[in-house]
Amino acid sequence: MDIRTFRENRAKFTWDELAAYDGRWVAFSPDGSRIVASAVDLLELEPLIRAAGEDPDRVGYERIEFDDKISLGAAEYF
């Protein structure tokens, strides 16, 4: 994996494109240009990566979280 190419391609994903993956783990292709698979937890993700024809050791992992809450002490506001 060429990390520079990965980062450049990964940065091209918009917030709107990633919103569908909120709260999920995402596996990006080795060059960062596409999403290979996604799942709620990492244990579920590996078989999906393999099913997509990719090697789990060669993809980039990221948890996508759009936190629209503001925590103020013990209280949370939406």
C-alpha atoms as a PDB file:
ATOM      1  CA  MET A   1       0.000   0.000   0.000  1.00  0.00           C
ATOM      2  CA  ASP A   2       1.361   3.369  -0.999  1.00  0.00           C
ATOM      3  CA  ILE A   3       0.256   5.515   1.944  1.00  0.00           C
ATOM      4  CA  ARG A   4       0.505   8.785   0.032  1.00  0.00           C
ATOM      5  CA  THR A   5      -1.802   7.526  -2.737  1.00  0.00           C
ATOM      6  CA  PHE A   6      -4.127   6.031  -0.136  1.00  0.00           C
ATOM      7  CA  ARG A   7      -4.430   9.316   1.761  1.00  0.00           C
ATOM      8  CA  GLU A   8      -4.969  11.365  -1.400  1.00  0.00           C
ATOM      9  CA  ASN A   9      -7.736   9.067  -2.644  1.00  0.00           C
ATOM     10  CA  ARG A  10      -9.350   8.630   0.774  1.00  0.00           C
ATOM     11  CA  ALA A  11      -9.552  12.414   1.153  1.00  0.00           C
ATOM     12  CA  LYS A  12     -11.714  12.616  -1.977  1.00  0.00           C
ATOM     13  CA  PHE A  13     -14.684  10.988  -0.211  1.00  0.00           C
ATOM     14  CA  THR A  14     -17.224  13.622   0.765  1.00  0.00           C
ATOM     15  CA  TRP A  15     -19.110  13.802   4.040  1.00  0.00           C
ATOM     16  CA  ASP A  16     -22.281  13.006   2.111  1.00  0.00           C
ATOM     17  CA  GLU A  17     -20.738   9.851   0.663  1.00  0.00           C
ATOM     18  CA  LEU A  18     -19.570   8.687   4.075  1.00  0.00           C
ATOM     19  CA  ALA A  19     -22.814   9.528   5.909  1.00  0.00           C
ATOM     20  CA  ALA A  20     -24.315   6.163   4.922  1.00  0.00           C
ATOM     21  CA  TYR A  21     -21.556   4.485   6.965  1.00  0.00           C
ATOM     22  CA  ASP A  22     -22.090   6.447  10.187  1.00  0.00           C
ATOM     23  CA  GLY A  23     -21.351   4.222  13.182  1.00  0.00           C
ATOM     24  CA  ARG A  24     -19.712   1.524  11.057  1.00  0.00           C
ATOM     25  CA  TRP A  25     -16.232   0.266  10.305  1.00  0.00           C
ATOM     26  CA  VAL A  26     -15.221   0.758   6.689  1.00  0.00           C
ATOM     27  CA  ALA A  27     -12.513  -1.015   4.710  1.00  0.00           C
ATOM     28  CA  PHE A  28     -11.025   1.117   1.947  1.00  0.00           C
ATOM     29  CA  SER A  29      -9.240  -0.433  -1.028  1.00  0.00           C
ATOM     30  CA  PRO A  30      -5.438  -0.475  -0.803  1.00  0.00           C
ATOM     31  CA  ASP A  31      -5.251   2.694  -2.897  1.00  0.00           C
ATOM     32  CA  GLY A  32      -8.068   4.389  -0.911  1.00  0.00           C
ATOM     33  CA  SER A  33     -10.205   4.952  -3.993  1.00  0.00           C
ATOM     34  CA  ARG A  34     -13.204   2.811  -3.028  1.00  0.00           C
ATOM     35  CA  ILE A  35     -15.010   1.293  -0.098  1.00  0.00           C
ATOM     36  CA  VAL A  36     -14.600  -2.473  -0.151  1.00  0.00           C
ATOM     37  CA  ALA A  37     -16.965  -3.339   2.708  1.00  0.00           C
ATOM     38  CA  SER A  38     -18.461  -2.054   5.934  1.00  0.00           C
ATOM     39  CA  ALA A  39     -19.801  -3.569   9.143  1.00  0.00           C
ATOM     40  CA  VAL A  40     -20.798  -2.618  12.658  1.00  0.00           C
ATOM     41  CA  ASP A  41     -17.776  -4.377  14.148  1.00  0.00           C
ATOM     42  CA  LEU A  42     -14.412  -5.559  12.941  1.00  0.00           C
ATOM     43  CA  LEU A  43     -15.217  -9.259  13.415  1.00  0.00           C
ATOM     44  CA  GLU A  44     -18.006  -8.962  10.862  1.00  0.00           C
ATOM     45  CA  LEU A  45     -15.881  -6.941   8.470  1.00  0.00           C
ATOM     46  CA  GLU A  46     -13.086  -9.387   7.655  1.00  0.00           C
ATOM     47  CA  PRO A  47     -15.259 -12.015   5.907  1.00  0.00           C
ATOM     48  CA  LEU A  48     -16.932  -9.259   3.883  1.00  0.00           C
ATOM     49  CA  ILE A  49     -13.527  -7.997   2.747  1.00  0.00           C
ATOM     50  CA  ARG A  50     -12.539 -11.488   1.662  1.00  0.00           C
ATOM     51  CA  ALA A  51     -15.878 -11.941  -0.135  1.00  0.00           C
ATOM     52  CA  ALA A  52     -15.138  -8.735  -2.049  1.00  0.00           C
ATOM     53  CA  GLY A  53     -11.879 -10.297  -3.256  1.00  0.00           C
ATOM     54  CA  GLU A  54      -9.527  -8.195  -1.121  1.00  0.00           C
ATOM     55  CA  ASP A  55      -6.892  -9.177   1.421  1.00  0.00           C
ATOM     56  CA  PRO A  56      -7.828  -7.886   4.913  1.00  0.00           C
ATOM     57  CA  ASP A  57      -4.140  -7.173   5.574  1.00  0.00           C
ATOM     58  CA  ARG A  58      -3.934  -4.777   2.614  1.00  0.00           C
ATOM     59  CA  VAL A  59      -6.999  -2.563   3.110  1.00  0.00           C
ATOM     60  CA  GLY A  60      -7.334   0.605   5.177  1.00  0.00           C
ATOM     61  CA  TYR A  61      -9.685   0.506   8.152  1.00  0.00           C
ATOM     62  CA  GLU A  62     -11.601   3.436   9.546  1.00  0.00           C
ATOM     63  CA  ARG A  63     -14.522   3.859  11.910  1.00  0.00           C
ATOM     64  CA  ILE A  64     -16.884   6.471  10.494  1.00  0.00           C
ATOM     65  CA  GLU A  65     -18.575   8.601  13.134  1.00  0.00           C
ATOM     66  CA  PHE A  66     -20.554  11.757  12.687  1.00  0.00           C
ATOM     67  CA  ASP A  67     -21.046  12.930  16.224  1.00  0.00           C
ATOM     68  CA  ASP A  68     -23.908  15.402  16.312  1.00  0.00           C
ATOM     69  CA  LYS A  69     -24.024  15.459  20.109  1.00  0.00           C
ATOM     70  CA  ILE A  70     -22.392  17.992  22.380  1.00  0.00           C
ATOM     71  CA  SER A  71     -21.431  16.672  25.792  1.00  0.00           C
ATOM     72  CA  LEU A  72     -21.497  19.124  28.667  1.00  0.00           C
ATOM     73  CA  GLY A  73     -20.523  17.265  31.803  1.00  0.00           C
ATOM     74  CA  ALA A  74     -23.044  14.517  32.488  1.00  0.00           C
ATOM     75  CA  ALA A  75     -25.649  15.981  30.119  1.00  0.00           C
ATOM     76  CA  GLU A  76     -25.804  15.442  26.376  1.00  0.00           C
ATOM     77  CA  TYR A  77     -27.567  17.786  23.984  1.00  0.00           C
ATOM     78  CA  PHE A  78     -28.662  16.937  20.473  1.00  0.00           C
END
